[in-house]
C-alpha atoms as a PDB file:
ATOM      1  CA  UNK A   1      32.416 -37.179  19.668  1.00  0.00           C
ATOM      2  CA  UNK A   2      29.624 -34.624  19.853  1.00  0.00           C
ATOM      3  CA  UNK A   3      26.005 -34.513  20.938  1.00  0.00           C
ATOM      4  CA  UNK A   4      23.170 -33.643  18.597  1.00  0.00           C
ATOM      5  CA  UNK A   5      20.189 -32.138  20.346  1.00  0.00           C
ATOM      6  CA  UNK A   6      16.922 -32.647  18.556  1.00  0.00           C
ATOM      7  CA  UNK A   7      14.057 -30.254  19.196  1.00  0.00           C
ATOM      8  CA  UNK A   8      10.480 -29.825  18.034  1.00  0.00           C
ATOM      9  CA  UNK A   9       9.632 -26.647  16.098  1.00  0.00           C
ATOM     10  CA  UNK A  10       9.110 -23.331  17.856  1.00  0.00           C
ATOM     11  CA  UNK A  11       7.763 -20.182  16.205  1.00  0.00           C
ATOM     12  CA  UNK A  12       8.100 -16.475  16.921  1.00  0.00           C
ATOM     13  CA  UNK A  13       5.765 -14.337  14.801  1.00  0.00           C
ATOM     14  CA  UNK A  14       4.540 -10.764  15.332  1.00  0.00           C
ATOM     15  CA  UNK A  15       0.725 -10.844  15.431  1.00  0.00           C
ATOM     16  CA  UNK A  16       0.300  -7.640  13.429  1.00  0.00           C
ATOM     17  CA  UNK A  17      -1.761  -6.235  11.993  1.00  0.00           C
ATOM     18  CA  UNK A  18       0.357  -5.366   8.977  1.00  0.00           C
ATOM     19  CA  UNK A  19      -1.211  -2.534   6.977  1.00  0.00           C
ATOM     20  CA  UNK A  20      -1.075  -2.264   3.189  1.00  0.00           C
ATOM     21  CA  UNK A  21      -2.758  -0.131   0.556  1.00  0.00           C
ATOM     22  CA  UNK A  22      -4.602  -1.751  -2.339  1.00  0.00           C
ATOM     23  CA  UNK A  23      -2.144  -2.436  -5.152  1.00  0.00           C
ATOM     24  CA  UNK A  24       0.937  -2.528  -2.904  1.00  0.00           C
ATOM     25  CA  UNK A  25       3.325  -5.442  -2.503  1.00  0.00           C
ATOM     26  CA  UNK A  26       3.493  -6.355   1.175  1.00  0.00           C
ATOM     27  CA  UNK A  27       5.656  -8.802   3.101  1.00  0.00           C
ATOM     28  CA  UNK A  28       4.193 -10.126   6.332  1.00  0.00           C
ATOM     29  CA  UNK A  29       6.359 -10.262   9.474  1.00  0.00           C
ATOM     30  CA  UNK A  30       9.026 -12.968   9.319  1.00  0.00           C
ATOM     31  CA  UNK A  31       8.025 -16.279  10.844  1.00  0.00           C
ATOM     32  CA  UNK A  32      11.096 -17.140  12.945  1.00  0.00           C
ATOM     33  CA  UNK A  33      11.294 -20.921  13.224  1.00  0.00           C
ATOM     34  CA  UNK A  34      13.722 -23.027  15.261  1.00  0.00           C
ATOM     35  CA  UNK A  35      13.990 -26.773  15.713  1.00  0.00           C
ATOM     36  CA  UNK A  36      16.176 -29.700  14.749  1.00  0.00           C
ATOM     37  CA  UNK A  37      15.981 -31.285  12.335  1.00  0.00           C
ATOM     38  CA  UNK A  38      15.064 -28.098  10.445  1.00  0.00           C
ATOM     39  CA  UNK A  39      11.276 -27.818  10.337  1.00  0.00           C
ATOM     40  CA  UNK A  40       9.359 -27.503   7.078  1.00  0.00           C
ATOM     41  CA  UNK A  41       7.640 -24.092   7.051  1.00  0.00           C
ATOM     42  CA  UNK A  42       4.374 -23.459   5.198  1.00  0.00           C
ATOM     43  CA  UNK A  43       1.876 -20.602   5.135  1.00  0.00           C
ATOM     44  CA  UNK A  44      -1.896 -20.683   4.737  1.00  0.00           C
ATOM     45  CA  UNK A  45      -4.767 -18.247   5.079  1.00  0.00           C
ATOM     46  CA  UNK A  46      -7.011 -18.842   8.108  1.00  0.00           C
ATOM     47  CA  UNK A  47     -10.164 -18.446   6.004  1.00  0.00           C
ATOM     48  CA  UNK A  48     -10.166 -18.906   2.263  1.00  0.00           C
ATOM     49  CA  UNK A  49      -7.107 -19.812   0.250  1.00  0.00           C
ATOM     50  CA  UNK A  50      -3.873 -18.103  -0.715  1.00  0.00           C
ATOM     51  CA  UNK A  51      -3.954 -16.305  -4.073  1.00  0.00           C
ATOM     52  CA  UNK A  52      -1.390 -18.660  -5.666  1.00  0.00           C
ATOM     53  CA  UNK A  53      -0.560 -16.306  -8.558  1.00  0.00           C
ATOM     54  CA  UNK A  54       0.168 -13.364  -6.204  1.00  0.00           C
ATOM     55  CA  UNK A  55       1.717 -15.056  -3.165  1.00  0.00           C
ATOM     56  CA  UNK A  56       5.418 -15.798  -2.842  1.00  0.00           C
ATOM     57  CA  UNK A  57       6.798 -17.835   0.043  1.00  0.00           C
ATOM     58  CA  UNK A  58      10.465 -17.920   0.936  1.00  0.00           C
ATOM     59  CA  UNK A  59      10.799 -19.962   4.106  1.00  0.00           C
ATOM     60  CA  UNK A  60       9.574 -17.760   6.931  1.00  0.00           C
ATOM     61  CA  UNK A  61       8.621 -14.876   4.631  1.00  0.00           C
ATOM     62  CA  UNK A  62       5.309 -14.480   2.807  1.00  0.00           C
ATOM     63  CA  UNK A  63       4.842 -11.691   0.254  1.00  0.00           C
ATOM     64  CA  UNK A  64       1.490 -10.657  -1.218  1.00  0.00           C
ATOM     65  CA  UNK A  65       1.873  -8.977  -4.621  1.00  0.00           C
ATOM     66  CA  UNK A  66      -0.633  -6.272  -5.627  1.00  0.00           C
ATOM     67  CA  UNK A  67      -2.693  -6.528  -2.431  1.00  0.00           C
ATOM     68  CA  UNK A  68      -6.457  -6.695  -2.885  1.00  0.00           C
ATOM     69  CA  UNK A  69      -9.385  -6.329  -0.510  1.00  0.00           C
ATOM     70  CA  UNK A  70      -9.925 -10.097  -0.268  1.00  0.00           C
ATOM     71  CA  UNK A  71      -6.330 -10.529   0.987  1.00  0.00           C
ATOM     72  CA  UNK A  72      -7.484  -9.118   4.355  1.00  0.00           C
ATOM     73  CA  UNK A  73      -7.368 -11.664   7.146  1.00  0.00           C
ATOM     74  CA  UNK A  74      -5.211 -13.912   9.290  1.00  0.00           C
ATOM     75  CA  UNK A  75      -2.275 -15.831   7.871  1.00  0.00           C
ATOM     76  CA  UNK A  76      -0.966 -18.942   9.597  1.00  0.00           C
ATOM     77  CA  UNK A  77       2.692 -19.928   9.670  1.00  0.00           C
ATOM     78  CA  UNK A  78       3.060 -23.680  10.263  1.00  0.00           C
ATOM     79  CA  UNK A  79       6.295 -25.482  11.150  1.00  0.00           C
ATOM     80  CA  UNK A  80       6.718 -29.253  11.308  1.00  0.00           C
ATOM     81  CA  UNK A  81       9.436 -31.824  11.858  1.00  0.00           C
ATOM     82  CA  UNK A  82       9.170 -35.429  13.023  1.00  0.00           C
ATOM     83  CA  UNK A  83       9.251 -34.324  16.668  1.00  0.00           C
ATOM     84  CA  UNK A  84       6.170 -32.141  16.399  1.00  0.00           C
ATOM     85  CA  UNK A  85       4.437 -29.213  14.794  1.00  0.00           C
ATOM     86  CA  UNK A  86       3.237 -25.753  15.770  1.00  0.00           C
ATOM     87  CA  UNK A  87       1.524 -22.734  14.234  1.00  0.00           C
ATOM     88  CA  UNK A  88       1.255 -18.990  14.780  1.00  0.00           C
ATOM     89  CA  UNK A  89      -0.885 -16.304  13.166  1.00  0.00           C
ATOM     90  CA  UNK A  90      -0.427 -12.753  11.927  1.00  0.00           C
ATOM     91  CA  UNK A  91      -3.000 -10.457  10.329  1.00  0.00           C
ATOM     92  CA  UNK A  92      -3.110  -8.297   7.219  1.00  0.00           C
ATOM     93  CA  UNK A  93      -5.288  -5.222   6.731  1.00  0.00           C
ATOM     94  CA  UNK A  94      -5.665  -3.750   3.233  1.00  0.00           C
ATOM     95  CA  UNK A  95      -6.975  -0.193   2.963  1.00  0.00           C
ATOM     96  CA  UNK A  96      -8.011   2.004   0.076  1.00  0.00           C
ATOM     97  CA  UNK A  97      -5.455   4.643  -0.896  1.00  0.00           C
ATOM     98  CA  UNK A  98      -6.555   8.266  -0.746  1.00  0.00           C
ATOM     99  CA  UNK A  99      -4.451   9.082  -3.826  1.00  0.00           C
ATOM    100  CA  UNK A 100      -6.302  11.070  -6.430  1.00  0.00           C
ATOM    101  CA  UNK A 101      -8.426  12.913  -3.866  1.00  0.00           C
ATOM    102  CA  UNK A 102      -8.031  16.609  -3.289  1.00  0.00           C
ATOM    103  CA  UNK A 103      -6.757  17.539   0.162  1.00  0.00           C
ATOM    104  CA  UNK A 104      -9.505  18.840   2.438  1.00  0.00           C
ATOM    105  CA  UNK A 105      -8.044  22.342   2.409  1.00  0.00           C
ATOM    106  CA  UNK A 106      -8.295  22.459  -1.390  1.00  0.00           C
ATOM    107  CA  UNK A 107     -11.890  21.232  -1.206  1.00  0.00           C
ATOM    108  CA  UNK A 108     -12.697  23.983   1.279  1.00  0.00           C
ATOM    109  CA  UNK A 109     -11.024  26.516  -1.013  1.00  0.00           C
ATOM    110  CA  UNK A 110     -13.210  25.387  -3.914  1.00  0.00           C
ATOM    111  CA  UNK A 111     -16.323  25.702  -1.755  1.00  0.00           C
ATOM    112  CA  UNK A 112     -15.216  29.178  -0.640  1.00  0.00           C
ATOM    113  CA  UNK A 113     -14.785  30.314  -4.266  1.00  0.00           C
ATOM    114  CA  UNK A 114     -18.364  29.421  -5.188  1.00  0.00           C
END
């Protein structure tokens, strides 16, 4: 015979922040979940709602497709089984890309040529 040890969920999640540029696909840090029976893992945004058409969840992973400014914020990983539940948060920062801008040295060169 063997023993089965049941355990409430526990989470390990890096708090971030995770940085992304607007338009990038970004995967937040993995939400490492333990517990038995296996906890159900869900993600939510601390304020506002997840952009359902651009968010993909695969267990402990959450990917934001084509990041936008309103994706900035805290994301909550939640794990639950019949013995309990727990949550942890990580944050996402979305910044504007500097692509398309001239480097400062080129701008100075233009100014010098005038």
